[in-house]
PDB file of all heavy atoms in Angstrom:
ATOM      1  N   TYR A   1     137.514  85.778 123.883  1.00  0.00           N
ATOM      2  CA  TYR A   1     136.778  84.530 123.702  1.00  0.00           C
ATOM      3  C   TYR A   1     135.921  84.640 122.443  1.00  0.00           C
ATOM      4  O   TYR A   1     134.879  85.274 122.432  1.00  0.00           O
ATOM      5  CB  TYR A   1     135.904  84.287 124.946  1.00  0.00           C
ATOM      6  CG  TYR A   1     135.333  82.891 125.079  1.00  0.00           C
ATOM      7  CD1 TYR A   1     135.839  82.016 126.021  1.00  0.00           C
ATOM      8  CD2 TYR A   1     134.262  82.470 124.290  1.00  0.00           C
ATOM      9  CE1 TYR A   1     135.302  80.737 126.181  1.00  0.00           C
ATOM     10  CE2 TYR A   1     133.726  81.199 124.430  1.00  0.00           C
ATOM     11  CZ  TYR A   1     134.248  80.343 125.377  1.00  0.00           C
ATOM     12  OH  TYR A   1     133.724  79.071 125.538  1.00  0.00           O
ATOM     13  N   GLY A   2     136.386  84.046 121.347  1.00  0.00           N
ATOM     14  CA  GLY A   2     135.715  84.184 120.060  1.00  0.00           C
ATOM     15  C   GLY A   2     134.705  83.083 119.802  1.00  0.00           C
ATOM     16  O   GLY A   2     135.060  81.898 119.774  1.00  0.00           O
ATOM     17  N   ARG A   3     133.440  83.481 119.590  1.00  0.00           N
ATOM     18  CA  ARG A   3     132.362  82.535 119.381  1.00  0.00           C
ATOM     19  C   ARG A   3     131.833  82.654 117.947  1.00  0.00           C
ATOM     20  O   ARG A   3     131.400  83.728 117.524  1.00  0.00           O
ATOM     21  CB  ARG A   3     131.228  82.782 120.374  1.00  0.00           C
ATOM     22  CG  ARG A   3     131.697  83.060 121.790  1.00  0.00           C
ATOM     23  CD  ARG A   3     130.622  82.829 122.824  1.00  0.00           C
ATOM     24  NE  ARG A   3     130.453  81.417 123.099  1.00  0.00           N
ATOM     25  CZ  ARG A   3     129.733  80.935 124.122  1.00  0.00           C
ATOM     26  NH1 ARG A   3     129.118  81.768 124.950  1.00  0.00           N
ATOM     27  NH2 ARG A   3     129.610  79.635 124.300  1.00  0.00           N
ATOM     28  N   MET A   4     131.874  81.549 117.208  1.00  0.00           N
ATOM     29  CA  MET A   4     131.447  81.528 115.811  1.00  0.00           C
ATOM     30  C   MET A   4     130.177  80.697 115.678  1.00  0.00           C
ATOM     31  O   MET A   4     130.172  79.501 115.958  1.00  0.00           O
ATOM     32  CB  MET A   4     132.561  80.900 114.959  1.00  0.00           C
ATOM     33  CG  MET A   4     132.298  80.847 113.475  1.00  0.00           C
ATOM     34  SD  MET A   4     132.584  82.439 112.670  1.00  0.00           S
ATOM     35  CE  MET A   4     130.907  83.056 112.538  1.00  0.00           C
ATOM     36  N   THR A   5     129.090  81.350 115.289  1.00  0.00           N
ATOM     37  CA  THR A   5     127.830  80.642 115.071  1.00  0.00           C
ATOM     38  C   THR A   5     127.160  81.166 113.814  1.00  0.00           C
ATOM     39  O   THR A   5     127.582  82.173 113.233  1.00  0.00           O
ATOM     40  CB  THR A   5     126.861  80.855 116.252  1.00  0.00           C
ATOM     41  OG1 THR A   5     126.592  82.253 116.389  1.00  0.00           O
ATOM     42  CG2 THR A   5     127.430  80.311 117.552  1.00  0.00           C
ATOM     43  N   ALA A   6     126.083  80.511 113.418  1.00  0.00           N
ATOM     44  CA  ALA A   6     125.311  80.981 112.267  1.00  0.00           C
ATOM     45  C   ALA A   6     124.494  82.208 112.626  1.00  0.00           C
ATOM     46  O   ALA A   6     124.515  83.220 111.920  1.00  0.00           O
ATOM     47  CB  ALA A   6     124.402  79.872 111.755  1.00  0.00           C
ATOM     48  N   TRP A   7     123.764  82.142 113.757  1.00  0.00           N
ATOM     49  CA  TRP A   7     122.762  83.160 114.067  1.00  0.00           C
ATOM     50  C   TRP A   7     123.143  84.097 115.203  1.00  0.00           C
ATOM     51  O   TRP A   7     122.467  85.095 115.419  1.00  0.00           O
ATOM     52  CB  TRP A   7     121.437  82.488 114.431  1.00  0.00           C
ATOM     53  CG  TRP A   7     120.919  81.545 113.398  1.00  0.00           C
ATOM     54  CD1 TRP A   7     120.779  80.193 113.508  1.00  0.00           C
ATOM     55  CD2 TRP A   7     120.473  81.864 112.071  1.00  0.00           C
ATOM     56  NE1 TRP A   7     120.269  79.657 112.346  1.00  0.00           N
ATOM     57  CE2 TRP A   7     120.070  80.663 111.446  1.00  0.00           C
ATOM     58  CE3 TRP A   7     120.376  83.066 111.344  1.00  0.00           C
ATOM     59  CZ2 TRP A   7     119.584  80.620 110.138  1.00  0.00           C
ATOM     60  CZ3 TRP A   7     119.891  83.016 110.046  1.00  0.00           C
ATOM     61  CH2 TRP A   7     119.498  81.806 109.454  1.00  0.00           C
ATOM     62  N   GLY A   8     124.211  83.791 115.944  1.00  0.00           N
ATOM     63  CA  GLY A   8     124.582  84.623 117.082  1.00  0.00           C
ATOM     64  C   GLY A   8     124.208  83.959 118.391  1.00  0.00           C
ATOM     65  O   GLY A   8     123.583  82.896 118.426  1.00  0.00           O
ATOM     66  N   GLN A   9     124.585  84.592 119.477  1.00  0.00           N
ATOM     67  CA  GLN A   9     124.373  84.032 120.807  1.00  0.00           C
ATOM     68  C   GLN A   9     122.987  84.306 121.367  1.00  0.00           C
ATOM     69  O   GLN A   9     122.609  83.744 122.389  1.00  0.00           O
ATOM     70  CB  GLN A   9     125.434  84.585 121.772  1.00  0.00           C
ATOM     71  CG  GLN A   9     126.856  84.191 121.413  1.00  0.00           C
ATOM     72  CD  GLN A   9     127.083  82.698 121.452  1.00  0.00           C
ATOM     73  OE1 GLN A   9     126.726  82.031 122.422  1.00  0.00           O
ATOM     74  NE2 GLN A   9     127.679  82.151 120.397  1.00  0.00           N
ATOM     75  N   ASP A  10     122.213  85.180 120.729  1.00  0.00           N
ATOM     76  CA  ASP A  10     120.853  85.443 121.201  1.00  0.00           C
ATOM     77  C   ASP A  10     119.925  85.616 120.010  1.00  0.00           C
ATOM     78  O   ASP A  10     120.352  85.585 118.863  1.00  0.00           O
ATOM     79  CB  ASP A  10     120.815  86.673 122.116  1.00  0.00           C
ATOM     80  CG  ASP A  10     121.456  87.900 121.475  1.00  0.00           C
ATOM     81  OD1 ASP A  10     121.288  88.106 120.256  1.00  0.00           O
ATOM     82  OD2 ASP A  10     122.126  88.659 122.189  1.00  0.00           O
ATOM     83  N   GLY A  11     118.637  85.806 120.290  1.00  0.00           N
ATOM     84  CA  GLY A  11     117.642  85.890 119.235  1.00  0.00           C
ATOM     85  C   GLY A  11     116.936  84.552 119.070  1.00  0.00           C
ATOM     86  O   GLY A  11     117.439  83.509 119.495  1.00  0.00           O
ATOM     87  N   PRO A  12     115.751  84.557 118.463  1.00  0.00           N
ATOM     88  CA  PRO A  12     114.947  83.328 118.383  1.00  0.00           C
ATOM     89  C   PRO A  12     115.602  82.194 117.610  1.00  0.00           C
ATOM     90  O   PRO A  12     115.291  81.027 117.843  1.00  0.00           O
ATOM     91  CB  PRO A  12     113.665  83.796 117.676  1.00  0.00           C
ATOM     92  CG  PRO A  12     114.005  85.084 117.018  1.00  0.00           C
ATOM     93  CD  PRO A  12     115.053  85.719 117.872  1.00  0.00           C
ATOM     94  N   LEU A  13     116.513  82.499 116.682  1.00  0.00           N
ATOM     95  CA  LEU A  13     117.163  81.441 115.902  1.00  0.00           C
ATOM     96  C   LEU A  13     118.478  80.967 116.507  1.00  0.00           C
ATOM     97  O   LEU A  13     119.090  80.032 115.987  1.00  0.00           O
ATOM     98  CB  LEU A  13     117.413  81.923 114.465  1.00  0.00           C
ATOM     99  CG  LEU A  13     116.184  82.115 113.587  1.00  0.00           C
ATOM    100  CD1 LEU A  13     116.593  82.641 112.217  1.00  0.00           C
ATOM    101  CD2 LEU A  13     115.406  80.813 113.442  1.00  0.00           C
ATOM    102  N   ALA A  14     118.930  81.602 117.583  1.00  0.00           N
ATOM    103  CA  ALA A  14     120.251  81.286 118.148  1.00  0.00           C
ATOM    104  C   ALA A  14     120.477  79.793 118.393  1.00  0.00           C
ATOM    105  O   ALA A  14     121.555  79.280 118.086  1.00  0.00           O
ATOM    106  CB  ALA A  14     120.478  82.081 119.433  1.00  0.00           C
ATOM    107  N   PRO A  15     119.506  79.047 118.913  1.00  0.00           N
ATOM    108  CA  PRO A  15     119.779  77.631 119.175  1.00  0.00           C
ATOM    109  C   PRO A  15     119.611  76.719 117.971  1.00  0.00           C
ATOM    110  O   PRO A  15     119.862  75.520 118.075  1.00  0.00           O
ATOM    111  CB  PRO A  15     118.748  77.278 120.252  1.00  0.00           C
ATOM    112  CG  PRO A  15     117.603  78.197 119.997  1.00  0.00           C
ATOM    113  CD  PRO A  15     118.212  79.470 119.483  1.00  0.00           C
ATOM    114  N   ARG A  16     119.203  77.259 116.843  1.00  0.00           N
ATOM    115  CA  ARG A  16     118.877  76.437 115.678  1.00  0.00           C
ATOM    116  C   ARG A  16     120.108  76.148 114.821  1.00  0.00           C
ATOM    117  O   ARG A  16     120.991  76.991 114.660  1.00  0.00           O
ATOM    118  CB  ARG A  16     117.824  77.111 114.816  1.00  0.00           C
ATOM    119  CG  ARG A  16     116.492  77.422 115.505  1.00  0.00           C
ATOM    120  CD  ARG A  16     115.577  76.191 115.591  1.00  0.00           C
ATOM    121  NE  ARG A  16     116.003  75.193 116.572  1.00  0.00           N
ATOM    122  CZ  ARG A  16     115.706  75.251 117.859  1.00  0.00           C
ATOM    123  NH1 ARG A  16     115.002  76.271 118.333  1.00  0.00           N
ATOM    124  NH2 ARG A  16     116.107  74.301 118.669  1.00  0.00           N
ATOM    125  N   ALA A  17     120.140  74.957 114.226  1.00  0.00           N
ATOM    126  CA  ALA A  17     121.197  74.602 113.282  1.00  0.00           C
ATOM    127  C   ALA A  17     120.990  75.357 111.973  1.00  0.00           C
ATOM    128  O   ALA A  17     119.857  75.713 111.613  1.00  0.00           O
ATOM    129  CB  ALA A  17     121.186  73.105 113.018  1.00  0.00           C
ATOM    130  N   ALA A  18     122.074  75.605 111.246  1.00  0.00           N
ATOM    131  CA  ALA A  18     121.989  76.283 109.953  1.00  0.00           C
ATOM    132  C   ALA A  18     123.291  76.097 109.206  1.00  0.00           C
ATOM    133  O   ALA A  18     124.346  75.861 109.795  1.00  0.00           O
ATOM    134  CB  ALA A  18     121.701  77.768 110.129  1.00  0.00           C
ATOM    135  N   HIS A  19     123.208  76.229 107.896  1.00  0.00           N
ATOM    136  CA  HIS A  19     124.386  76.258 107.049  1.00  0.00           C
ATOM    137  C   HIS A  19     124.373  77.543 106.229  1.00  0.00           C
ATOM    138  O   HIS A  19     123.438  78.351 106.306  1.00  0.00           O
ATOM    139  CB  HIS A  19     124.446  75.025 106.153  1.00  0.00           C
ATOM    140  CG  HIS A  19     124.803  73.773 106.891  1.00  0.00           C
ATOM    141  ND1 HIS A  19     126.033  73.594 107.478  1.00  0.00           N
ATOM    142  CD2 HIS A  19     124.092  72.647 107.152  1.00  0.00           C
ATOM    143  CE1 HIS A  19     126.077  72.409 108.063  1.00  0.00           C
ATOM    144  NE2 HIS A  19     124.907  71.813 107.877  1.00  0.00           N
ATOM    145  N   ASP A  20     125.425  77.723 105.450  1.00  0.00           N
ATOM    146  CA  ASP A  20     125.606  78.931 104.647  1.00  0.00           C
ATOM    147  C   ASP A  20     124.328  79.335 103.916  1.00  0.00           C
ATOM    148  O   ASP A  20     123.894  80.487 103.963  1.00  0.00           O
ATOM    149  CB  ASP A  20     126.738  78.657 103.646  1.00  0.00           C
ATOM    150  CG  ASP A  20     127.168  79.872 102.865  1.00  0.00           C
ATOM    151  OD1 ASP A  20     126.403  80.320 101.992  1.00  0.00           O
ATOM    152  OD2 ASP A  20     128.286  80.367 103.093  1.00  0.00           O
ATOM    153  N   ILE A  21     123.683  78.384 103.245  1.00  0.00           N
ATOM    154  CA  ILE A  21     122.516  78.697 102.427  1.00  0.00           C
ATOM    155  C   ILE A  21     121.358  79.243 103.259  1.00  0.00           C
ATOM    156  O   ILE A  21     120.598  80.099 102.808  1.00  0.00           O
ATOM    157  CB  ILE A  21     122.070  77.465 101.602  1.00  0.00           C
ATOM    158  CG1 ILE A  21     121.073  77.861 100.519  1.00  0.00           C
ATOM    159  CG2 ILE A  21     121.541  76.360 102.502  1.00  0.00           C
ATOM    160  CD1 ILE A  21     120.777  76.733  99.540  1.00  0.00           C
ATOM    161  N   ASN A  22     121.211  78.749 104.500  1.00  0.00           N
ATOM    162  CA  ASN A  22     120.126  79.221 105.359  1.00  0.00           C
ATOM    163  C   ASN A  22     120.351  80.662 105.793  1.00  0.00           C
ATOM    164  O   ASN A  22     119.412  81.474 105.828  1.00  0.00           O
ATOM    165  CB  ASN A  22     120.006  78.330 106.594  1.00  0.00           C
ATOM    166  CG  ASN A  22     119.894  76.871 106.239  1.00  0.00           C
ATOM    167  OD1 ASN A  22     120.811  76.093 106.501  1.00  0.00           O
ATOM    168  ND2 ASN A  22     118.796  76.475 105.620  1.00  0.00           N
ATOM    169  N   VAL A  23     121.605  80.992 106.111  1.00  0.00           N
ATOM    170  CA  VAL A  23     121.926  82.366 106.491  1.00  0.00           C
ATOM    171  C   VAL A  23     121.730  83.303 105.300  1.00  0.00           C
ATOM    172  O   VAL A  23     121.153  84.388 105.432  1.00  0.00           O
ATOM    173  CB  VAL A  23     123.372  82.454 107.031  1.00  0.00           C
ATOM    174  CG1 VAL A  23     123.763  83.893 107.307  1.00  0.00           C
ATOM    175  CG2 VAL A  23     123.511  81.617 108.296  1.00  0.00           C
ATOM    176  N   LEU A  24     122.186  82.878 104.129  1.00  0.00           N
ATOM    177  CA  LEU A  24     121.997  83.707 102.937  1.00  0.00           C
ATOM    178  C   LEU A  24     120.520  83.950 102.676  1.00  0.00           C
ATOM    179  O   LEU A  24     120.118  85.026 102.228  1.00  0.00           O
ATOM    180  CB  LEU A  24     122.631  83.035 101.717  1.00  0.00           C
ATOM    181  CG  LEU A  24     124.150  82.866 101.712  1.00  0.00           C
ATOM    182  CD1 LEU A  24     124.603  82.301 100.377  1.00  0.00           C
ATOM    183  CD2 LEU A  24     124.843  84.183 101.977  1.00  0.00           C
ATOM    184  N   ALA A  25     119.700  82.946 102.948  1.00  0.00           N
ATOM    185  CA  ALA A  25     118.267  83.078 102.693  1.00  0.00           C
ATOM    186  C   ALA A  25     117.648  84.181 103.541  1.00  0.00           C
ATOM    187  O   ALA A  25     116.840  84.983 103.052  1.00  0.00           O
ATOM    188  CB  ALA A  25     117.569  81.745 102.962  1.00  0.00           C
ATOM    189  N   LEU A  26     118.013  84.246 104.823  1.00  0.00           N
ATOM    190  CA  LEU A  26     117.368  85.214 105.724  1.00  0.00           C
ATOM    191  C   LEU A  26     118.009  86.592 105.711  1.00  0.00           C
ATOM    192  O   LEU A  26     117.460  87.523 106.296  1.00  0.00           O
ATOM    193  CB  LEU A  26     117.355  84.674 107.155  1.00  0.00           C
ATOM    194  CG  LEU A  26     116.425  83.491 107.416  1.00  0.00           C
ATOM    195  CD1 LEU A  26     116.195  83.325 108.919  1.00  0.00           C
ATOM    196  CD2 LEU A  26     115.081  83.648 106.722  1.00  0.00           C
ATOM    197  N   THR A  27     119.148  86.746 105.064  1.00  0.00           N
ATOM    198  CA  THR A  27     119.772  88.068 104.954  1.00  0.00           C
ATOM    199  C   THR A  27     119.406  88.770 103.647  1.00  0.00           C
ATOM    200  O   THR A  27     119.808  89.910 103.421  1.00  0.00           O
ATOM    201  CB  THR A  27     121.305  87.966 105.023  1.00  0.00           C
ATOM    202  OG1 THR A  27     121.754  87.059 104.009  1.00  0.00           O
ATOM    203  CG2 THR A  27     121.761  87.478 106.400  1.00  0.00           C
ATOM    204  N   GLY A  28     118.686  88.074 102.780  1.00  0.00           N
ATOM    205  CA  GLY A  28     118.337  88.659 101.494  1.00  0.00           C
ATOM    206  C   GLY A  28     119.389  88.436 100.430  1.00  0.00           C
ATOM    207  O   GLY A  28     119.146  88.733  99.259  1.00  0.00           O
ATOM    208  N   ALA A  29     120.555  87.911 100.807  1.00  0.00           N
ATOM    209  CA  ALA A  29     121.623  87.728  99.828  1.00  0.00           C
ATOM    210  C   ALA A  29     121.257  86.666  98.795  1.00  0.00           C
ATOM    211  O   ALA A  29     121.440  86.861  97.592  1.00  0.00           O
ATOM    212  CB  ALA A  29     122.928  87.353 100.534  1.00  0.00           C
ATOM    213  N   LEU A  30     120.724  85.533  99.260  1.00  0.00           N
ATOM    214  CA  LEU A  30     120.379  84.459  98.329  1.00  0.00           C
ATOM    215  C   LEU A  30     119.276  84.899  97.371  1.00  0.00           C
ATOM    216  O   LEU A  30     119.314  84.590  96.177  1.00  0.00           O
ATOM    217  CB  LEU A  30     119.949  83.209  99.100  1.00  0.00           C
ATOM    218  CG  LEU A  30     119.738  81.956  98.253  1.00  0.00           C
ATOM    219  CD1 LEU A  30     121.042  81.504  97.614  1.00  0.00           C
ATOM    220  CD2 LEU A  30     119.140  80.835  99.096  1.00  0.00           C
ATOM    221  N   GLY A  31     118.308  85.638  97.895  1.00  0.00           N
ATOM    222  CA  GLY A  31     117.191  86.087  97.081  1.00  0.00           C
ATOM    223  C   GLY A  31     117.562  87.115  96.036  1.00  0.00           C
ATOM    224  O   GLY A  31     116.726  87.465  95.192  1.00  0.00           O
ATOM    225  N   ALA A  32     118.797  87.602  96.063  1.00  0.00           N
ATOM    226  CA  ALA A  32     119.248  88.597  95.080  1.00  0.00           C
ATOM    227  C   ALA A  32     120.145  87.983  94.015  1.00  0.00           C
ATOM    228  O   ALA A  32     120.645  88.695  93.143  1.00  0.00           O
ATOM    229  CB  ALA A  32     119.996  89.722  95.798  1.00  0.00           C
ATOM    230  N   ILE A  33     120.353  86.650  94.071  1.00  0.00           N
ATOM    231  CA  ILE A  33     121.330  85.998  93.196  1.00  0.00           C
ATOM    232  C   ILE A  33     120.632  85.088  92.202  1.00  0.00           C
ATOM    233  O   ILE A  33     119.725  84.338  92.560  1.00  0.00           O
ATOM    234  CB  ILE A  33     122.341  85.188  94.031  1.00  0.00           C
ATOM    235  CG1 ILE A  33     123.157  86.105  94.936  1.00  0.00           C
ATOM    236  CG2 ILE A  33     123.268  84.369  93.150  1.00  0.00           C
ATOM    237  CD1 ILE A  33     124.040  85.375  95.931  1.00  0.00           C
TER     238      ILE A  33
END
């Protein structure tokens, strides 16, 4: 059963909407570009 989300099935951000740019922002990837 494959589940695809931005933040995962748990954690404080799990229920929140997000797009590529938001994920890049919190992983440090966007801040390095």
